[in-house]
Amino acid sequence: MIERQPAPDFTRPFLVSLAPLVFIALVFVWMVWGLLAAMGVTYASDKAISRLSRR
């Protein structure tokens, strides 16, 4: 019977590669949230300026 070697432990490399992925995901969420906030403020200020200019 052939003796098999145990599988290598890739826990540490997995965690090391997971950290940048989590960082990138959080930066992406931050970017999307900021973009939506900027678009909302821009839309609201446009509507306010348009309403004031009609007076």
PDB file of N, CA and C in Angstrom:
ATOM      1  N   MET A   1       0.847  -1.182   0.000  1.00  0.00           N
ATOM      2  CA  MET A   1       0.000   0.000   0.000  1.00  0.00           C
ATOM      3  C   MET A   1       0.891   1.242   0.000  1.00  0.00           C
ATOM      4  N   ILE A   2       0.458   2.264  -0.743  1.00  0.00           N
ATOM      5  CA  ILE A   2       1.236   3.502  -0.851  1.00  0.00           C
ATOM      6  C   ILE A   2       0.904   4.399   0.338  1.00  0.00           C
ATOM      7  N   GLU A   3       1.965   4.888   0.970  1.00  0.00           N
ATOM      8  CA  GLU A   3       1.767   5.815   2.087  1.00  0.00           C
ATOM      9  C   GLU A   3       1.692   7.234   1.537  1.00  0.00           C
ATOM     10  N   ARG A   4       0.672   7.945   1.931  1.00  0.00           N
ATOM     11  CA  ARG A   4       0.493   9.318   1.461  1.00  0.00           C
ATOM     12  C   ARG A   4       0.981  10.291   2.523  1.00  0.00           C
ATOM     13  N   GLN A   5       1.559  11.376   2.042  1.00  0.00           N
ATOM     14  CA  GLN A   5       1.985  12.419   2.963  1.00  0.00           C
ATOM     15  C   GLN A   5       0.773  13.282   3.312  1.00  0.00           C
ATOM     16  N   PRO A   6       0.761  13.833   4.515  1.00  0.00           N
ATOM     17  CA  PRO A   6      -0.379  14.697   4.875  1.00  0.00           C
ATOM     18  C   PRO A   6      -0.353  15.971   4.025  1.00  0.00           C
ATOM     19  N   ALA A   7      -1.510  16.518   3.852  1.00  0.00           N
ATOM     20  CA  ALA A   7      -1.631  17.759   3.079  1.00  0.00           C
ATOM     21  C   ALA A   7      -0.971  18.899   3.835  1.00  0.00           C
ATOM     22  N   PRO A   8      -0.346  19.821   3.112  1.00  0.00           N
ATOM     23  CA  PRO A   8       0.291  20.948   3.786  1.00  0.00           C
ATOM     24  C   PRO A   8      -0.752  21.881   4.408  1.00  0.00           C
ATOM     25  N   ASP A   9      -0.343  22.545   5.463  1.00  0.00           N
ATOM     26  CA  ASP A   9      -1.236  23.463   6.172  1.00  0.00           C
ATOM     27  C   ASP A   9      -1.147  24.846   5.524  1.00  0.00           C
ATOM     28  N   PHE A  10      -2.191  25.231   4.824  1.00  0.00           N
ATOM     29  CA  PHE A  10      -2.215  26.515   4.133  1.00  0.00           C
ATOM     30  C   PHE A  10      -3.035  27.557   4.885  1.00  0.00           C
ATOM     31  N   THR A  11      -3.217  27.382   6.175  1.00  0.00           N
ATOM     32  CA  THR A  11      -4.034  28.318   6.949  1.00  0.00           C
ATOM     33  C   THR A  11      -3.394  29.699   6.982  1.00  0.00           C
ATOM     34  N   ARG A  12      -2.123  29.785   7.321  1.00  0.00           N
ATOM     35  CA  ARG A  12      -1.455  31.083   7.416  1.00  0.00           C
ATOM     36  C   ARG A  12      -1.399  31.801   6.059  1.00  0.00           C
ATOM     37  N   PRO A  13      -1.006  31.135   4.968  1.00  0.00           N
ATOM     38  CA  PRO A  13      -1.035  31.854   3.674  1.00  0.00           C
ATOM     39  C   PRO A  13      -2.439  32.312   3.278  1.00  0.00           C
ATOM     40  N   PHE A  14      -3.442  31.519   3.624  1.00  0.00           N
ATOM     41  CA  PHE A  14      -4.818  31.919   3.330  1.00  0.00           C
ATOM     42  C   PHE A  14      -5.181  33.183   4.088  1.00  0.00           C
ATOM     43  N   LEU A  15      -4.846  33.234   5.360  1.00  0.00           N
ATOM     44  CA  LEU A  15      -5.173  34.410   6.157  1.00  0.00           C
ATOM     45  C   LEU A  15      -4.384  35.637   5.702  1.00  0.00           C
ATOM     46  N   VAL A  16      -3.141  35.424   5.295  1.00  0.00           N
ATOM     47  CA  VAL A  16      -2.338  36.537   4.806  1.00  0.00           C
ATOM     48  C   VAL A  16      -2.915  37.075   3.497  1.00  0.00           C
ATOM     49  N   SER A  17      -3.378  36.214   2.627  1.00  0.00           N
ATOM     50  CA  SER A  17      -3.964  36.682   1.369  1.00  0.00           C
ATOM     51  C   SER A  17      -5.387  37.200   1.565  1.00  0.00           C
ATOM     52  N   LEU A  18      -6.050  36.794   2.626  1.00  0.00           N
ATOM     53  CA  LEU A  18      -7.406  37.274   2.888  1.00  0.00           C
ATOM     54  C   LEU A  18      -7.399  38.708   3.394  1.00  0.00           C
ATOM     55  N   ALA A  19      -6.385  39.098   4.137  1.00  0.00           N
ATOM     56  CA  ALA A  19      -6.333  40.448   4.710  1.00  0.00           C
ATOM     57  C   ALA A  19      -6.389  41.531   3.636  1.00  0.00           C
ATOM     58  N   PRO A  20      -5.566  41.473   2.565  1.00  0.00           N
ATOM     59  CA  PRO A  20      -5.702  42.514   1.531  1.00  0.00           C
ATOM     60  C   PRO A  20      -7.054  42.483   0.819  1.00  0.00           C
ATOM     61  N   LEU A  21      -7.630  41.305   0.656  1.00  0.00           N
ATOM     62  CA  LEU A  21      -8.937  41.226   0.004  1.00  0.00           C
ATOM     63  C   LEU A  21     -10.021  41.887   0.850  1.00  0.00           C
ATOM     64  N   VAL A  22      -9.970  41.683   2.154  1.00  0.00           N
ATOM     65  CA  VAL A  22     -10.932  42.340   3.045  1.00  0.00           C
ATOM     66  C   VAL A  22     -10.718  43.848   3.023  1.00  0.00           C
ATOM     67  N   PHE A  23      -9.449  44.270   3.023  1.00  0.00           N
ATOM     68  CA  PHE A  23      -9.142  45.694   2.951  1.00  0.00           C
ATOM     69  C   PHE A  23      -9.694  46.302   1.670  1.00  0.00           C
ATOM     70  N   ILE A  24      -9.492  45.649   0.545  1.00  0.00           N
ATOM     71  CA  ILE A  24      -9.979  46.151  -0.741  1.00  0.00           C
ATOM     72  C   ILE A  24     -11.510  46.202  -0.743  1.00  0.00           C
ATOM     73  N   ALA A  25     -12.147  45.189  -0.173  1.00  0.00           N
ATOM     74  CA  ALA A  25     -13.612  45.180  -0.114  1.00  0.00           C
ATOM     75  C   ALA A  25     -14.135  46.336   0.738  1.00  0.00           C
ATOM     76  N   LEU A  26     -13.478  46.605   1.865  1.00  0.00           N
ATOM     77  CA  LEU A  26     -13.927  47.709   2.718  1.00  0.00           C
ATOM     78  C   LEU A  26     -13.695  49.060   2.051  1.00  0.00           C
ATOM     79  N   VAL A  27     -12.599  49.213   1.338  1.00  0.00           N
ATOM     80  CA  VAL A  27     -12.348  50.459   0.610  1.00  0.00           C
ATOM     81  C   VAL A  27     -13.388  50.632  -0.500  1.00  0.00           C
ATOM     82  N   PHE A  28     -13.755  49.546  -1.152  1.00  0.00           N
ATOM     83  CA  PHE A  28     -14.775  49.614  -2.196  1.00  0.00           C
ATOM     84  C   PHE A  28     -16.118  50.059  -1.619  1.00  0.00           C
ATOM     85  N   VAL A  29     -16.508  49.484  -0.474  1.00  0.00           N
ATOM     86  CA  VAL A  29     -17.767  49.880   0.166  1.00  0.00           C
ATOM     87  C   VAL A  29     -17.706  51.353   0.560  1.00  0.00           C
ATOM     88  N   TRP A  30     -16.570  51.777   1.094  1.00  0.00           N
ATOM     89  CA  TRP A  30     -16.386  53.175   1.479  1.00  0.00           C
ATOM     90  C   TRP A  30     -16.512  54.088   0.263  1.00  0.00           C
ATOM     91  N   MET A  31     -15.924  53.679  -0.866  1.00  0.00           N
ATOM     92  CA  MET A  31     -15.976  54.472  -2.090  1.00  0.00           C
ATOM     93  C   MET A  31     -17.410  54.578  -2.609  1.00  0.00           C
ATOM     94  N   VAL A  32     -18.115  53.463  -2.631  1.00  0.00           N
ATOM     95  CA  VAL A  32     -19.500  53.481  -3.130  1.00  0.00           C
ATOM     96  C   VAL A  32     -20.371  54.349  -2.226  1.00  0.00           C
ATOM     97  N   TRP A  33     -20.203  54.214  -0.908  1.00  0.00           N
ATOM     98  CA  TRP A  33     -20.984  55.002   0.039  1.00  0.00           C
ATOM     99  C   TRP A  33     -20.707  56.488  -0.157  1.00  0.00           C
ATOM    100  N   GLY A  34     -19.433  56.845  -0.328  1.00  0.00           N
ATOM    101  CA  GLY A  34     -19.073  58.243  -0.535  1.00  0.00           C
ATOM    102  C   GLY A  34     -19.600  58.774  -1.856  1.00  0.00           C
ATOM    103  N   LEU A  35     -19.551  57.958  -2.892  1.00  0.00           N
ATOM    104  CA  LEU A  35     -20.058  58.376  -4.198  1.00  0.00           C
ATOM    105  C   LEU A  35     -21.568  58.612  -4.133  1.00  0.00           C
ATOM    106  N   LEU A  36     -22.285  57.724  -3.470  1.00  0.00           N
ATOM    107  CA  LEU A  36     -23.737  57.908  -3.348  1.00  0.00           C
ATOM    108  C   LEU A  36     -24.061  59.145  -2.517  1.00  0.00           C
ATOM    109  N   ALA A  37     -23.301  59.386  -1.471  1.00  0.00           N
ATOM    110  CA  ALA A  37     -23.525  60.582  -0.651  1.00  0.00           C
ATOM    111  C   ALA A  37     -23.253  61.843  -1.465  1.00  0.00           C
ATOM    112  N   ALA A  38     -22.172  61.845  -2.234  1.00  0.00           N
ATOM    113  CA  ALA A  38     -21.850  63.014  -3.060  1.00  0.00           C
ATOM    114  C   ALA A  38     -22.930  63.244  -4.117  1.00  0.00           C
ATOM    115  N   MET A  39     -23.431  62.176  -4.709  1.00  0.00           N
ATOM    116  CA  MET A  39     -24.492  62.318  -5.707  1.00  0.00           C
ATOM    117  C   MET A  39     -25.765  62.854  -5.064  1.00  0.00           C
ATOM    118  N   GLY A  40     -26.074  62.402  -3.853  1.00  0.00           N
ATOM    119  CA  GLY A  40     -27.257  62.889  -3.156  1.00  0.00           C
ATOM    120  C   GLY A  40     -27.161  64.362  -2.811  1.00  0.00           C
ATOM    121  N   VAL A  41     -25.998  64.778  -2.332  1.00  0.00           N
ATOM    122  CA  VAL A  41     -25.810  66.193  -2.004  1.00  0.00           C
ATOM    123  C   VAL A  41     -25.866  67.037  -3.265  1.00  0.00           C
ATOM    124  N   THR A  42     -25.276  66.557  -4.337  1.00  0.00           N
ATOM    125  CA  THR A  42     -25.304  67.294  -5.598  1.00  0.00           C
ATOM    126  C   THR A  42     -26.730  67.442  -6.122  1.00  0.00           C
ATOM    127  N   TYR A  43     -27.490  66.358  -6.065  1.00  0.00           N
ATOM    128  CA  TYR A  43     -28.880  66.400  -6.536  1.00  0.00           C
ATOM    129  C   TYR A  43     -29.709  67.362  -5.685  1.00  0.00           C
ATOM    130  N   ALA A  44     -29.544  67.282  -4.364  1.00  0.00           N
ATOM    131  CA  ALA A  44     -30.319  68.151  -3.480  1.00  0.00           C
ATOM    132  C   ALA A  44     -29.953  69.619  -3.678  1.00  0.00           C
ATOM    133  N   SER A  45     -28.673  69.901  -3.830  1.00  0.00           N
ATOM    134  CA  SER A  45     -28.285  71.298  -4.033  1.00  0.00           C
ATOM    135  C   SER A  45     -28.748  71.804  -5.401  1.00  0.00           C
ATOM    136  N   ASP A  46     -28.753  70.954  -6.412  1.00  0.00           N
ATOM    137  CA  ASP A  46     -29.259  71.353  -7.729  1.00  0.00           C
ATOM    138  C   ASP A  46     -30.741  71.694  -7.649  1.00  0.00           C
ATOM    139  N   LYS A  47     -31.493  70.856  -6.947  1.00  0.00           N
ATOM    140  CA  LYS A  47     -32.934  71.124  -6.811  1.00  0.00           C
ATOM    141  C   LYS A  47     -33.172  72.403  -6.014  1.00  0.00           C
ATOM    142  N   ALA A  48     -32.368  72.638  -4.977  1.00  0.00           N
ATOM    143  CA  ALA A  48     -32.536  73.840  -4.167  1.00  0.00           C
ATOM    144  C   ALA A  48     -32.189  75.089  -4.972  1.00  0.00           C
ATOM    145  N   ILE A  49     -31.106  75.049  -5.734  1.00  0.00           N
ATOM    146  CA  ILE A  49     -30.718  76.200  -6.554  1.00  0.00           C
ATOM    147  C   ILE A  49     -31.768  76.453  -7.637  1.00  0.00           C
ATOM    148  N   SER A  50     -32.279  75.387  -8.246  1.00  0.00           N
ATOM    149  CA  SER A  50     -33.315  75.555  -9.274  1.00  0.00           C
ATOM    150  C   SER A  50     -34.584  76.159  -8.689  1.00  0.00           C
ATOM    151  N   ARG A  51     -34.942  75.744  -7.492  1.00  0.00           N
ATOM    152  CA  ARG A  51     -36.144  76.273  -6.851  1.00  0.00           C
ATOM    153  C   ARG A  51     -35.952  77.752  -6.500  1.00  0.00           C
ATOM    154  N   LEU A  52     -34.746  78.114  -6.041  1.00  0.00           N
ATOM    155  CA  LEU A  52     -34.489  79.510  -5.698  1.00  0.00           C
ATOM    156  C   LEU A  52     -34.428  80.391  -6.944  1.00  0.00           C
ATOM    157  N   SER A  53     -33.962  79.851  -8.044  1.00  0.00           N
ATOM    158  CA  SER A  53     -33.848  80.673  -9.262  1.00  0.00           C
ATOM    159  C   SER A  53     -35.211  80.952  -9.896  1.00  0.00           C
ATOM    160  N   ARG A  54     -36.205  80.128  -9.613  1.00  0.00           N
ATOM    161  CA  ARG A  54     -37.543  80.345 -10.164  1.00  0.00           C
ATOM    162  C   ARG A  54     -38.259  81.500  -9.486  1.00  0.00           C
ATOM    163  N   ARG A  55     -37.835  81.869  -8.295  1.00  0.00           N
ATOM    164  CA  ARG A  55     -38.504  82.944  -7.549  1.00  0.00           C
ATOM    165  C   ARG A  55     -38.288  84.268  -8.132  1.00  0.00           C
TER     166      ARG A  55
END
